[in-house]
Amino acid sequence: MTKLKVKTGKREELYEITSEVQSTVSRSGVSEGICTVYVPHTTAAVLIQEAADPAVGRDILTHVRHLFPREAAYEHAEGNSDAHLKASVVGTTATVFVEKGKLCLGTWQGIYFCEFDGPRSREVWVRVQG
């Protein structure tokens, strides 16, 4: 398993990690298999989504904020309940097939680390299996 370091600069942001994940796959030497990307945090997530148009990421953040506003009637007292809900909906794991040593992503797809309670220093765990 490889642990990627991610340092976020905003409370909420989508940070593309596709190239770092592909580098991990390349270093693994696995030609055919699967790559699992896991975020071991309760207020962050991982997402596979369009990487060609940055407006897609902005739209995702805008509408997730609308679904789970920062200020609402939450019982959790730390002030980051919205971040927990956002991470729960997006999810902490993504699995991508590997063929010929490359991630099998669609033409426009990229892998994003989703920060919902930053800025912070985070980890993304990547495991490549043949």
N, C-alpha and C. Protein backbone atom coordinates (compact mmCIF):
# COMPACT_ATOMS: atom_id res chain seq x y z
N MET A 1 0.85 -1.18 0.00
CA MET A 1 0.00 0.00 0.00
C MET A 1 0.89 1.25 0.00
N THR A 2 0.47 2.24 -0.76
CA THR A 2 1.16 3.52 -0.81
C THR A 2 0.28 4.58 -0.16
N LYS A 3 0.89 5.42 0.65
CA LYS A 3 0.16 6.52 1.28
C LYS A 3 0.57 7.82 0.61
N LEU A 4 -0.36 8.43 -0.10
CA LEU A 4 -0.12 9.71 -0.74
C LEU A 4 -0.44 10.83 0.25
N LYS A 5 0.36 11.85 0.25
CA LYS A 5 0.12 13.02 1.11
C LYS A 5 -0.60 14.09 0.30
N VAL A 6 -1.64 14.65 0.89
CA VAL A 6 -2.39 15.74 0.26
C VAL A 6 -2.50 16.86 1.27
N LYS A 7 -2.09 18.05 0.87
CA LYS A 7 -2.22 19.23 1.73
C LYS A 7 -3.23 20.16 1.06
N THR A 8 -4.37 20.31 1.71
CA THR A 8 -5.42 21.14 1.12
C THR A 8 -5.29 22.57 1.60
N GLY A 9 -5.80 23.50 0.79
CA GLY A 9 -5.65 24.91 1.11
C GLY A 9 -6.95 25.62 1.44
N LYS A 10 -8.07 24.92 1.27
CA LYS A 10 -9.38 25.53 1.52
C LYS A 10 -10.22 24.60 2.38
N ARG A 11 -11.31 25.14 2.91
CA ARG A 11 -12.21 24.30 3.69
C ARG A 11 -12.81 23.22 2.82
N GLU A 12 -13.22 23.59 1.61
CA GLU A 12 -13.80 22.62 0.68
C GLU A 12 -13.14 22.77 -0.67
N GLU A 13 -12.66 21.66 -1.20
CA GLU A 13 -12.07 21.69 -2.53
C GLU A 13 -11.97 20.28 -3.09
N LEU A 14 -11.94 20.21 -4.40
CA LEU A 14 -11.66 18.96 -5.09
C LEU A 14 -10.23 19.09 -5.62
N TYR A 15 -9.40 18.15 -5.23
CA TYR A 15 -7.98 18.17 -5.58
C TYR A 15 -7.70 16.95 -6.43
N GLU A 16 -7.34 17.16 -7.69
CA GLU A 16 -7.13 16.02 -8.59
C GLU A 16 -5.85 15.26 -8.24
N ILE A 17 -5.99 13.95 -8.09
CA ILE A 17 -4.86 13.09 -7.73
C ILE A 17 -4.61 12.00 -8.78
N THR A 18 -5.18 12.14 -9.96
CA THR A 18 -5.06 11.11 -10.98
C THR A 18 -3.60 10.78 -11.28
N SER A 19 -2.77 11.78 -11.49
CA SER A 19 -1.38 11.51 -11.86
C SER A 19 -0.62 10.81 -10.73
N GLU A 20 -0.89 11.18 -9.48
CA GLU A 20 -0.23 10.53 -8.36
C GLU A 20 -0.65 9.06 -8.24
N VAL A 21 -1.94 8.80 -8.48
CA VAL A 21 -2.43 7.42 -8.43
C VAL A 21 -1.82 6.62 -9.59
N GLN A 22 -1.78 7.20 -10.78
CA GLN A 22 -1.18 6.51 -11.92
C GLN A 22 0.30 6.23 -11.67
N SER A 23 1.00 7.15 -11.05
CA SER A 23 2.41 6.91 -10.71
C SER A 23 2.55 5.73 -9.77
N THR A 24 1.64 5.62 -8.82
CA THR A 24 1.65 4.48 -7.89
C THR A 24 1.43 3.18 -8.66
N VAL A 25 0.48 3.19 -9.59
CA VAL A 25 0.23 2.00 -10.42
C VAL A 25 1.49 1.64 -11.20
N SER A 26 2.11 2.63 -11.83
CA SER A 26 3.31 2.38 -12.63
C SER A 26 4.44 1.79 -11.80
N ARG A 27 4.66 2.34 -10.60
CA ARG A 27 5.72 1.84 -9.71
C ARG A 27 5.43 0.43 -9.20
N SER A 28 4.15 0.06 -9.15
CA SER A 28 3.78 -1.26 -8.62
C SER A 28 4.22 -2.39 -9.54
N GLY A 29 4.35 -2.10 -10.83
CA GLY A 29 4.69 -3.15 -11.78
C GLY A 29 3.52 -4.02 -12.19
N VAL A 30 2.34 -3.74 -11.67
CA VAL A 30 1.15 -4.52 -12.02
C VAL A 30 0.68 -4.12 -13.40
N SER A 31 0.51 -5.12 -14.27
CA SER A 31 0.05 -4.86 -15.62
C SER A 31 -1.47 -4.96 -15.73
N GLU A 32 -2.04 -5.98 -15.11
CA GLU A 32 -3.49 -6.21 -15.15
C GLU A 32 -3.98 -6.41 -13.72
N GLY A 33 -5.01 -5.66 -13.32
CA GLY A 33 -5.52 -5.83 -11.97
C GLY A 33 -6.49 -4.73 -11.59
N ILE A 34 -6.47 -4.37 -10.31
CA ILE A 34 -7.33 -3.30 -9.82
C ILE A 34 -6.52 -2.36 -8.92
N CYS A 35 -6.96 -1.13 -8.89
CA CYS A 35 -6.38 -0.12 -8.02
C CYS A 35 -7.49 0.40 -7.12
N THR A 36 -7.26 0.31 -5.83
CA THR A 36 -8.23 0.82 -4.86
C THR A 36 -7.65 2.08 -4.24
N VAL A 37 -8.46 3.13 -4.23
CA VAL A 37 -8.09 4.40 -3.63
C VAL A 37 -9.00 4.61 -2.44
N TYR A 38 -8.40 4.81 -1.27
CA TYR A 38 -9.17 4.90 -0.02
C TYR A 38 -8.75 6.14 0.76
N VAL A 39 -9.72 6.84 1.30
CA VAL A 39 -9.47 8.02 2.12
C VAL A 39 -9.82 7.69 3.57
N PRO A 40 -8.80 7.65 4.47
CA PRO A 40 -9.04 7.26 5.86
C PRO A 40 -9.42 8.43 6.76
N HIS A 41 -10.37 9.22 6.30
CA HIS A 41 -10.80 10.40 7.06
C HIS A 41 -12.33 10.46 7.05
N THR A 42 -12.91 11.02 8.09
CA THR A 42 -14.37 11.09 8.18
C THR A 42 -14.96 12.36 7.59
N THR A 43 -14.11 13.30 7.21
CA THR A 43 -14.61 14.55 6.63
C THR A 43 -13.97 14.82 5.26
N ALA A 44 -13.54 13.75 4.61
CA ALA A 44 -12.97 13.83 3.27
C ALA A 44 -13.43 12.61 2.49
N ALA A 45 -13.26 12.67 1.17
CA ALA A 45 -13.77 11.59 0.33
C ALA A 45 -12.92 11.46 -0.93
N VAL A 46 -13.27 10.50 -1.77
CA VAL A 46 -12.63 10.32 -3.07
C VAL A 46 -13.73 10.19 -4.11
N LEU A 47 -13.47 10.75 -5.29
CA LEU A 47 -14.50 10.83 -6.32
C LEU A 47 -13.87 10.64 -7.69
N ILE A 48 -14.52 9.88 -8.55
CA ILE A 48 -14.14 9.81 -9.96
C ILE A 48 -15.17 10.64 -10.71
N GLN A 49 -14.66 11.63 -11.44
CA GLN A 49 -15.57 12.55 -12.12
C GLN A 49 -14.84 13.21 -13.29
N GLU A 50 -15.55 14.00 -14.06
CA GLU A 50 -14.95 14.68 -15.20
C GLU A 50 -13.78 15.56 -14.76
N ALA A 51 -12.68 15.45 -15.51
CA ALA A 51 -11.50 16.23 -15.19
C ALA A 51 -11.18 17.27 -16.26
N ALA A 52 -11.95 17.30 -17.34
CA ALA A 52 -11.66 18.22 -18.45
C ALA A 52 -12.16 19.63 -18.19
N ASP A 53 -13.29 19.76 -17.53
CA ASP A 53 -13.90 21.07 -17.31
C ASP A 53 -13.98 21.35 -15.81
N PRO A 54 -13.21 22.31 -15.30
CA PRO A 54 -13.22 22.60 -13.86
C PRO A 54 -14.58 23.06 -13.34
N ALA A 55 -15.47 23.48 -14.24
CA ALA A 55 -16.81 23.89 -13.82
C ALA A 55 -17.57 22.73 -13.19
N VAL A 56 -17.27 21.51 -13.61
CA VAL A 56 -17.95 20.34 -13.04
C VAL A 56 -17.66 20.25 -11.54
N GLY A 57 -16.40 20.38 -11.17
CA GLY A 57 -16.03 20.34 -9.75
C GLY A 57 -16.66 21.46 -8.95
N ARG A 58 -16.67 22.64 -9.55
CA ARG A 58 -17.32 23.78 -8.87
C ARG A 58 -18.80 23.52 -8.68
N ASP A 59 -19.45 22.96 -9.69
CA ASP A 59 -20.88 22.63 -9.58
C ASP A 59 -21.12 21.60 -8.48
N ILE A 60 -20.26 20.59 -8.42
CA ILE A 60 -20.40 19.56 -7.38
C ILE A 60 -20.32 20.20 -6.00
N LEU A 61 -19.29 21.02 -5.78
CA LEU A 61 -19.16 21.66 -4.46
C LEU A 61 -20.34 22.58 -4.16
N THR A 62 -20.78 23.34 -5.13
CA THR A 62 -21.91 24.25 -4.92
C THR A 62 -23.15 23.49 -4.48
N HIS A 63 -23.43 22.40 -5.14
CA HIS A 63 -24.68 21.69 -4.85
C HIS A 63 -24.58 20.79 -3.63
N VAL A 64 -23.39 20.30 -3.31
CA VAL A 64 -23.22 19.56 -2.06
C VAL A 64 -23.36 20.52 -0.87
N ARG A 65 -22.85 21.74 -1.05
CA ARG A 65 -23.03 22.76 -0.01
C ARG A 65 -24.51 23.08 0.19
N HIS A 66 -25.24 23.11 -0.90
CA HIS A 66 -26.69 23.38 -0.82
C HIS A 66 -27.41 22.26 -0.08
N LEU A 67 -27.02 21.01 -0.37
CA LEU A 67 -27.63 19.86 0.32
C LEU A 67 -27.32 19.85 1.81
N PHE A 68 -26.06 20.19 2.15
CA PHE A 68 -25.60 20.13 3.54
C PHE A 68 -24.93 21.45 3.89
N PRO A 69 -25.72 22.48 4.25
CA PRO A 69 -25.13 23.77 4.59
C PRO A 69 -24.28 23.68 5.86
N ARG A 70 -23.29 24.53 5.93
CA ARG A 70 -22.41 24.52 7.10
C ARG A 70 -23.17 24.83 8.38
N GLU A 71 -24.07 25.77 8.31
CA GLU A 71 -24.86 26.15 9.49
C GLU A 71 -26.25 25.54 9.36
N ALA A 72 -26.53 24.58 10.20
CA ALA A 72 -27.85 23.92 10.23
C ALA A 72 -28.04 23.34 11.63
N ALA A 73 -29.16 22.72 11.86
CA ALA A 73 -29.47 22.17 13.18
C ALA A 73 -28.84 20.78 13.33
N TYR A 74 -27.51 20.76 13.50
CA TYR A 74 -26.78 19.50 13.69
C TYR A 74 -26.57 19.24 15.17
N GLU A 75 -26.59 18.00 15.58
CA GLU A 75 -26.32 17.64 16.97
C GLU A 75 -24.82 17.58 17.27
N HIS A 76 -24.03 17.16 16.31
CA HIS A 76 -22.58 17.06 16.46
C HIS A 76 -22.04 18.47 16.74
N ALA A 77 -21.30 18.64 17.83
CA ALA A 77 -20.97 19.98 18.33
C ALA A 77 -19.64 20.54 17.84
N GLU A 78 -18.91 19.83 16.98
CA GLU A 78 -17.59 20.32 16.57
C GLU A 78 -17.64 21.36 15.46
N GLY A 79 -18.80 21.60 14.87
CA GLY A 79 -18.91 22.59 13.82
C GLY A 79 -18.57 22.08 12.44
N ASN A 80 -18.43 20.76 12.29
CA ASN A 80 -18.11 20.21 10.97
C ASN A 80 -19.05 19.08 10.55
N SER A 81 -20.26 19.11 11.09
CA SER A 81 -21.24 18.07 10.74
C SER A 81 -21.51 18.03 9.25
N ASP A 82 -21.55 19.20 8.62
CA ASP A 82 -21.77 19.23 7.18
C ASP A 82 -20.68 18.45 6.45
N ALA A 83 -19.45 18.55 6.92
CA ALA A 83 -18.34 17.83 6.29
C ALA A 83 -18.49 16.33 6.42
N HIS A 84 -18.96 15.87 7.57
CA HIS A 84 -19.20 14.44 7.76
C HIS A 84 -20.28 13.94 6.79
N LEU A 85 -21.34 14.71 6.65
CA LEU A 85 -22.42 14.32 5.74
C LEU A 85 -21.96 14.32 4.28
N LYS A 86 -21.22 15.32 3.89
CA LYS A 86 -20.71 15.39 2.51
C LYS A 86 -19.81 14.20 2.20
N ALA A 87 -18.91 13.88 3.13
CA ALA A 87 -18.02 12.74 2.93
C ALA A 87 -18.80 11.43 2.88
N SER A 88 -19.85 11.32 3.68
CA SER A 88 -20.66 10.11 3.68
C SER A 88 -21.36 9.89 2.35
N VAL A 89 -21.84 10.97 1.76
CA VAL A 89 -22.57 10.87 0.49
C VAL A 89 -21.60 10.59 -0.67
N VAL A 90 -20.46 11.22 -0.68
CA VAL A 90 -19.50 11.03 -1.77
C VAL A 90 -18.81 9.67 -1.64
N GLY A 91 -18.37 9.31 -0.44
CA GLY A 91 -17.75 8.00 -0.22
C GLY A 91 -16.25 8.08 -0.06
N THR A 92 -15.70 7.06 0.57
CA THR A 92 -14.27 7.06 0.90
C THR A 92 -13.43 6.13 0.04
N THR A 93 -14.05 5.42 -0.91
CA THR A 93 -13.32 4.45 -1.71
C THR A 93 -13.70 4.55 -3.18
N ALA A 94 -12.69 4.38 -4.04
CA ALA A 94 -12.91 4.25 -5.48
C ALA A 94 -12.04 3.11 -5.97
N THR A 95 -12.58 2.32 -6.87
CA THR A 95 -11.84 1.20 -7.45
C THR A 95 -11.78 1.40 -8.96
N VAL A 96 -10.59 1.23 -9.51
CA VAL A 96 -10.37 1.42 -10.94
C VAL A 96 -9.63 0.20 -11.48
N PHE A 97 -10.07 -0.31 -12.60
CA PHE A 97 -9.35 -1.40 -13.25
C PHE A 97 -8.01 -0.90 -13.78
N VAL A 98 -7.05 -1.82 -13.84
CA VAL A 98 -5.74 -1.52 -14.42
C VAL A 98 -5.53 -2.47 -15.59
N GLU A 99 -5.20 -1.92 -16.75
CA GLU A 99 -4.86 -2.72 -17.93
C GLU A 99 -3.61 -2.15 -18.56
N LYS A 100 -2.68 -3.04 -18.90
CA LYS A 100 -1.41 -2.65 -19.51
C LYS A 100 -0.69 -1.58 -18.67
N GLY A 101 -0.83 -1.69 -17.34
CA GLY A 101 -0.15 -0.79 -16.42
C GLY A 101 -0.77 0.59 -16.31
N LYS A 102 -1.95 0.78 -16.88
CA LYS A 102 -2.61 2.09 -16.87
C LYS A 102 -3.97 2.01 -16.20
N LEU A 103 -4.35 3.08 -15.51
CA LEU A 103 -5.69 3.18 -14.95
C LEU A 103 -6.71 3.18 -16.09
N CYS A 104 -7.77 2.44 -15.95
CA CYS A 104 -8.83 2.38 -16.96
C CYS A 104 -9.90 3.42 -16.63
N LEU A 105 -9.58 4.65 -16.90
CA LEU A 105 -10.53 5.75 -16.69
C LEU A 105 -11.11 6.14 -18.03
N GLY A 106 -12.33 6.64 -18.02
CA GLY A 106 -12.95 7.14 -19.23
C GLY A 106 -12.21 8.36 -19.74
N THR A 107 -12.49 8.73 -20.97
CA THR A 107 -11.79 9.83 -21.64
C THR A 107 -11.72 11.09 -20.79
N TRP A 108 -12.78 11.44 -20.13
CA TRP A 108 -12.84 12.71 -19.39
C TRP A 108 -12.67 12.54 -17.89
N GLN A 109 -12.53 11.30 -17.42
CA GLN A 109 -12.51 11.05 -15.98
C GLN A 109 -11.17 11.34 -15.32
N GLY A 110 -11.27 11.77 -14.08
CA GLY A 110 -10.12 11.95 -13.21
C GLY A 110 -10.49 11.51 -11.80
N ILE A 111 -9.49 11.32 -10.97
CA ILE A 111 -9.70 10.92 -9.58
C ILE A 111 -9.44 12.14 -8.71
N TYR A 112 -10.38 12.43 -7.83
CA TYR A 112 -10.29 13.61 -6.98
C TYR A 112 -10.31 13.24 -5.50
N PHE A 113 -9.44 13.90 -4.74
CA PHE A 113 -9.55 13.92 -3.29
C PHE A 113 -10.51 15.06 -2.98
N CYS A 114 -11.51 14.80 -2.16
CA CYS A 114 -12.53 15.79 -1.82
C CYS A 114 -12.34 16.23 -0.37
N GLU A 115 -11.94 17.45 -0.20
CA GLU A 115 -11.78 18.03 1.14
C GLU A 115 -13.06 18.75 1.53
N PHE A 116 -13.59 18.42 2.70
CA PHE A 116 -14.79 19.07 3.19
C PHE A 116 -14.60 19.75 4.55
N ASP A 117 -13.38 19.69 5.11
CA ASP A 117 -13.14 20.26 6.43
C ASP A 117 -11.69 20.73 6.56
N GLY A 118 -11.24 21.43 5.57
CA GLY A 118 -9.84 21.86 5.53
C GLY A 118 -9.68 23.29 6.00
N PRO A 119 -8.51 23.83 5.77
CA PRO A 119 -7.36 23.15 5.18
C PRO A 119 -6.69 22.20 6.17
N ARG A 120 -6.17 21.11 5.62
CA ARG A 120 -5.55 20.08 6.45
C ARG A 120 -4.46 19.34 5.66
N SER A 121 -3.67 18.59 6.40
CA SER A 121 -2.75 17.62 5.80
C SER A 121 -3.46 16.27 5.88
N ARG A 122 -3.61 15.63 4.73
CA ARG A 122 -4.39 14.39 4.65
C ARG A 122 -3.57 13.28 4.01
N GLU A 123 -4.15 12.09 4.04
CA GLU A 123 -3.56 10.94 3.34
C GLU A 123 -4.59 10.32 2.42
N VAL A 124 -4.11 9.74 1.36
CA VAL A 124 -4.91 8.90 0.47
C VAL A 124 -4.13 7.60 0.35
N TRP A 125 -4.80 6.49 0.63
CA TRP A 125 -4.14 5.20 0.57
C TRP A 125 -4.47 4.54 -0.76
N VAL A 126 -3.44 4.04 -1.43
CA VAL A 126 -3.62 3.41 -2.75
C VAL A 126 -3.04 2.01 -2.70
N ARG A 127 -3.83 1.03 -3.13
CA ARG A 127 -3.38 -0.35 -3.21
C ARG A 127 -3.63 -0.86 -4.61
N VAL A 128 -2.60 -1.41 -5.21
CA VAL A 128 -2.68 -1.97 -6.55
C VAL A 128 -2.50 -3.48 -6.43
N GLN A 129 -3.44 -4.23 -6.98
CA GLN A 129 -3.40 -5.68 -6.92
C GLN A 129 -3.47 -6.27 -8.33
N GLY A 130 -2.60 -7.23 -8.59
CA GLY A 130 -2.59 -7.90 -9.88
C GLY A 130 -3.48 -9.11 -9.90
